[in-house]
Amino acid sequence: MQTLTLRTQARLWYWQRMSAMVLAGCVVLHIVVIIYAVHSGLSEQAILGRTHRNWFFAGFYSLFVLASAVHVPIGLLRIAEEWLGWRGRSAHVACLVVTLGLLALGLRAVMGVIL
């Protein structure tokens, strides 16, 4: 079985904490936008009209997706190792698949709203 070196574990710890900080900011801003939209009485069409070709929203939500694609698989790898005893190459490949899936689906959603 393949185990992670201490250096790799430290890097994963670092990247999960950095992505958590980015995600915290993204979640707060996302909630502020939702509250603004609800209190302004904006319809779905009005919201999509405001986000259409808005590069700020595209950049913001792309950052949100990227931070999620870094954070979530590292956490899942820890869960797979600690709770399920799943270690080695297959666990790493599964987390890579999750990463690619999050990126593909998240960025597709961003493009769908923006374009």
C-alpha atoms as a PDB file:
ATOM      1  CA  MET A   1       0.000   0.000   0.000  1.00  0.00           C
ATOM      2  CA  GLN A   2       1.126   3.482  -0.787  1.00  0.00           C
ATOM      3  CA  THR A   3       1.154   5.983   2.046  1.00  0.00           C
ATOM      4  CA  LEU A   4       1.659   9.697   1.769  1.00  0.00           C
ATOM      5  CA  THR A   5       4.966  11.173   2.835  1.00  0.00           C
ATOM      6  CA  LEU A   6       4.968  13.709   5.639  1.00  0.00           C
ATOM      7  CA  ARG A   7       5.854  16.417   3.126  1.00  0.00           C
ATOM      8  CA  THR A   8       2.862  15.524   0.929  1.00  0.00           C
ATOM      9  CA  GLN A   9       0.572  15.397   3.959  1.00  0.00           C
ATOM     10  CA  ALA A  10       1.791  18.850   5.007  1.00  0.00           C
ATOM     11  CA  ARG A  11       1.134  20.213   1.526  1.00  0.00           C
ATOM     12  CA  LEU A  12      -2.350  18.759   1.450  1.00  0.00           C
ATOM     13  CA  TRP A  13      -3.024  20.232   4.905  1.00  0.00           C
ATOM     14  CA  TYR A  14      -1.795  23.632   3.681  1.00  0.00           C
ATOM     15  CA  TRP A  15      -3.887  23.591   0.499  1.00  0.00           C
ATOM     16  CA  GLN A  16      -6.996  22.499   2.329  1.00  0.00           C
ATOM     17  CA  ARG A  17      -6.623  25.355   4.818  1.00  0.00           C
ATOM     18  CA  MET A  18      -5.929  27.908   2.072  1.00  0.00           C
ATOM     19  CA  SER A  19      -8.924  26.719   0.052  1.00  0.00           C
ATOM     20  CA  ALA A  20     -11.062  26.858   3.217  1.00  0.00           C
ATOM     21  CA  MET A  21     -10.190  30.530   3.654  1.00  0.00           C
ATOM     22  CA  VAL A  22     -11.128  31.276   0.043  1.00  0.00           C
ATOM     23  CA  LEU A  23     -14.342  29.263   0.393  1.00  0.00           C
ATOM     24  CA  ALA A  24     -15.307  31.145   3.568  1.00  0.00           C
ATOM     25  CA  GLY A  25     -15.078  34.455   1.730  1.00  0.00           C
ATOM     26  CA  CYS A  26     -16.934  33.075  -1.282  1.00  0.00           C
ATOM     27  CA  VAL A  27     -19.761  31.690   0.852  1.00  0.00           C
ATOM     28  CA  VAL A  28     -20.195  35.001   2.675  1.00  0.00           C
ATOM     29  CA  LEU A  29     -20.279  36.999  -0.565  1.00  0.00           C
ATOM     30  CA  HIS A  30     -22.615  34.456  -2.176  1.00  0.00           C
ATOM     31  CA  ILE A  31     -25.050  34.734   0.757  1.00  0.00           C
ATOM     32  CA  VAL A  32     -24.897  38.545   0.590  1.00  0.00           C
ATOM     33  CA  VAL A  33     -25.786  38.379  -3.120  1.00  0.00           C
ATOM     34  CA  ILE A  34     -28.679  35.995  -2.402  1.00  0.00           C
ATOM     35  CA  ILE A  35     -30.031  38.262   0.359  1.00  0.00           C
ATOM     36  CA  TYR A  36     -29.738  41.284  -1.936  1.00  0.00           C
ATOM     37  CA  ALA A  37     -31.575  39.481  -4.734  1.00  0.00           C
ATOM     38  CA  VAL A  38     -34.369  38.285  -2.435  1.00  0.00           C
ATOM     39  CA  HIS A  39     -34.863  41.657  -0.748  1.00  0.00           C
ATOM     40  CA  SER A  40     -34.841  43.429  -4.111  1.00  0.00           C
ATOM     41  CA  GLY A  41     -37.518  41.081  -5.388  1.00  0.00           C
ATOM     42  CA  LEU A  42     -35.455  40.026  -8.380  1.00  0.00           C
ATOM     43  CA  SER A  43     -36.890  37.287 -10.573  1.00  0.00           C
ATOM     44  CA  GLU A  44     -34.840  34.497 -12.105  1.00  0.00           C
ATOM     45  CA  GLN A  45     -34.816  36.361 -15.399  1.00  0.00           C
ATOM     46  CA  ALA A  46     -33.614  39.564 -13.735  1.00  0.00           C
ATOM     47  CA  ILE A  47     -30.810  37.690 -11.967  1.00  0.00           C
ATOM     48  CA  LEU A  48     -29.716  35.955 -15.169  1.00  0.00           C
ATOM     49  CA  GLY A  49     -29.924  39.297 -16.968  1.00  0.00           C
ATOM     50  CA  ARG A  50     -27.524  40.811 -14.453  1.00  0.00           C
ATOM     51  CA  THR A  51     -25.087  37.896 -14.570  1.00  0.00           C
ATOM     52  CA  HIS A  52     -25.121  37.529 -18.379  1.00  0.00           C
ATOM     53  CA  ARG A  53     -21.640  38.362 -19.680  1.00  0.00           C
ATOM     54  CA  ASN A  54     -20.702  39.822 -16.288  1.00  0.00           C
ATOM     55  CA  TRP A  55     -17.036  38.935 -15.922  1.00  0.00           C
ATOM     56  CA  PHE A  56     -16.968  39.770 -12.213  1.00  0.00           C
ATOM     57  CA  PHE A  57     -19.534  37.040 -11.542  1.00  0.00           C
ATOM     58  CA  ALA A  58     -17.714  34.682 -13.903  1.00  0.00           C
ATOM     59  CA  GLY A  59     -14.435  35.230 -12.067  1.00  0.00           C
ATOM     60  CA  PHE A  60     -15.998  35.046  -8.631  1.00  0.00           C
ATOM     61  CA  TYR A  61     -17.902  31.827  -9.236  1.00  0.00           C
ATOM     62  CA  SER A  62     -14.950  30.280 -11.089  1.00  0.00           C
ATOM     63  CA  LEU A  63     -12.826  30.991  -8.008  1.00  0.00           C
ATOM     64  CA  PHE A  64     -15.561  29.401  -5.888  1.00  0.00           C
ATOM     65  CA  VAL A  65     -15.480  26.275  -8.083  1.00  0.00           C
ATOM     66  CA  LEU A  66     -11.669  26.068  -8.055  1.00  0.00           C
ATOM     67  CA  ALA A  67     -11.499  26.418  -4.276  1.00  0.00           C
ATOM     68  CA  SER A  68     -14.137  23.690  -3.917  1.00  0.00           C
ATOM     69  CA  ALA A  69     -12.253  21.430  -6.327  1.00  0.00           C
ATOM     70  CA  VAL A  70      -9.147  21.779  -4.139  1.00  0.00           C
ATOM     71  CA  HIS A  71     -10.865  21.536  -0.753  1.00  0.00           C
ATOM     72  CA  VAL A  72     -13.399  18.744  -1.169  1.00  0.00           C
ATOM     73  CA  PRO A  73     -11.186  15.949  -2.576  1.00  0.00           C
ATOM     74  CA  ILE A  74      -8.553  16.460   0.117  1.00  0.00           C
ATOM     75  CA  GLY A  75     -11.238  16.115   2.769  1.00  0.00           C
ATOM     76  CA  LEU A  76     -12.667  13.050   1.057  1.00  0.00           C
ATOM     77  CA  LEU A  77      -9.201  11.496   0.922  1.00  0.00           C
ATOM     78  CA  ARG A  78      -8.834  12.029   4.685  1.00  0.00           C
ATOM     79  CA  ILE A  79     -12.266  10.476   5.288  1.00  0.00           C
ATOM     80  CA  ALA A  80     -11.457   7.528   3.021  1.00  0.00           C
ATOM     81  CA  GLU A  81      -8.184   6.929   4.871  1.00  0.00           C
ATOM     82  CA  GLU A  82      -9.324   7.479   8.450  1.00  0.00           C
ATOM     83  CA  TRP A  83     -12.883   6.162   8.469  1.00  0.00           C
ATOM     84  CA  LEU A  84     -12.895   3.590   5.681  1.00  0.00           C
ATOM     85  CA  GLY A  85      -9.265   2.457   5.826  1.00  0.00           C
ATOM     86  CA  TRP A  86      -9.057   3.082   2.070  1.00  0.00           C
ATOM     87  CA  ARG A  87      -5.471   3.933   1.217  1.00  0.00           C
ATOM     88  CA  GLY A  88      -3.225   3.777  -1.761  1.00  0.00           C
ATOM     89  CA  ARG A  89      -3.460   4.536  -5.399  1.00  0.00           C
ATOM     90  CA  SER A  90      -7.160   3.699  -5.793  1.00  0.00           C
ATOM     91  CA  ALA A  91      -8.133   6.256  -3.124  1.00  0.00           C
ATOM     92  CA  HIS A  92      -6.009   8.901  -4.827  1.00  0.00           C
ATOM     93  CA  VAL A  93      -7.518   8.100  -8.230  1.00  0.00           C
ATOM     94  CA  ALA A  94     -11.027   8.328  -6.756  1.00  0.00           C
ATOM     95  CA  CYS A  95     -10.205  11.768  -5.342  1.00  0.00           C
ATOM     96  CA  LEU A  96      -8.786  12.835  -8.703  1.00  0.00           C
ATOM     97  CA  VAL A  97     -12.047  11.766 -10.354  1.00  0.00           C
ATOM     98  CA  VAL A  98     -13.983  13.844  -7.790  1.00  0.00           C
ATOM     99  CA  THR A  99     -11.709  16.825  -8.514  1.00  0.00           C
ATOM    100  CA  LEU A 100     -12.230  16.575 -12.262  1.00  0.00           C
ATOM    101  CA  GLY A 101     -15.976  16.118 -11.792  1.00  0.00           C
ATOM    102  CA  LEU A 102     -16.259  19.181  -9.556  1.00  0.00           C
ATOM    103  CA  LEU A 103     -14.266  21.248 -12.024  1.00  0.00           C
ATOM    104  CA  ALA A 104     -16.241  20.084 -15.047  1.00  0.00           C
ATOM    105  CA  LEU A 105     -19.684  20.456 -13.512  1.00  0.00           C
ATOM    106  CA  GLY A 106     -18.892  23.671 -11.639  1.00  0.00           C
ATOM    107  CA  LEU A 107     -17.296  25.477 -14.557  1.00  0.00           C
ATOM    108  CA  ARG A 108     -20.086  24.286 -16.844  1.00  0.00           C
ATOM    109  CA  ALA A 109     -22.611  25.812 -14.437  1.00  0.00           C
ATOM    110  CA  VAL A 110     -20.664  29.086 -14.354  1.00  0.00           C
ATOM    111  CA  MET A 111     -20.573  29.215 -18.141  1.00  0.00           C
ATOM    112  CA  GLY A 112     -24.281  28.411 -18.316  1.00  0.00           C
ATOM    113  CA  VAL A 113     -25.161  31.353 -16.085  1.00  0.00           C
ATOM    114  CA  ILE A 114     -22.673  33.798 -17.570  1.00  0.00           C
ATOM    115  CA  LEU A 115     -22.952  33.014 -21.289  1.00  0.00           C
END
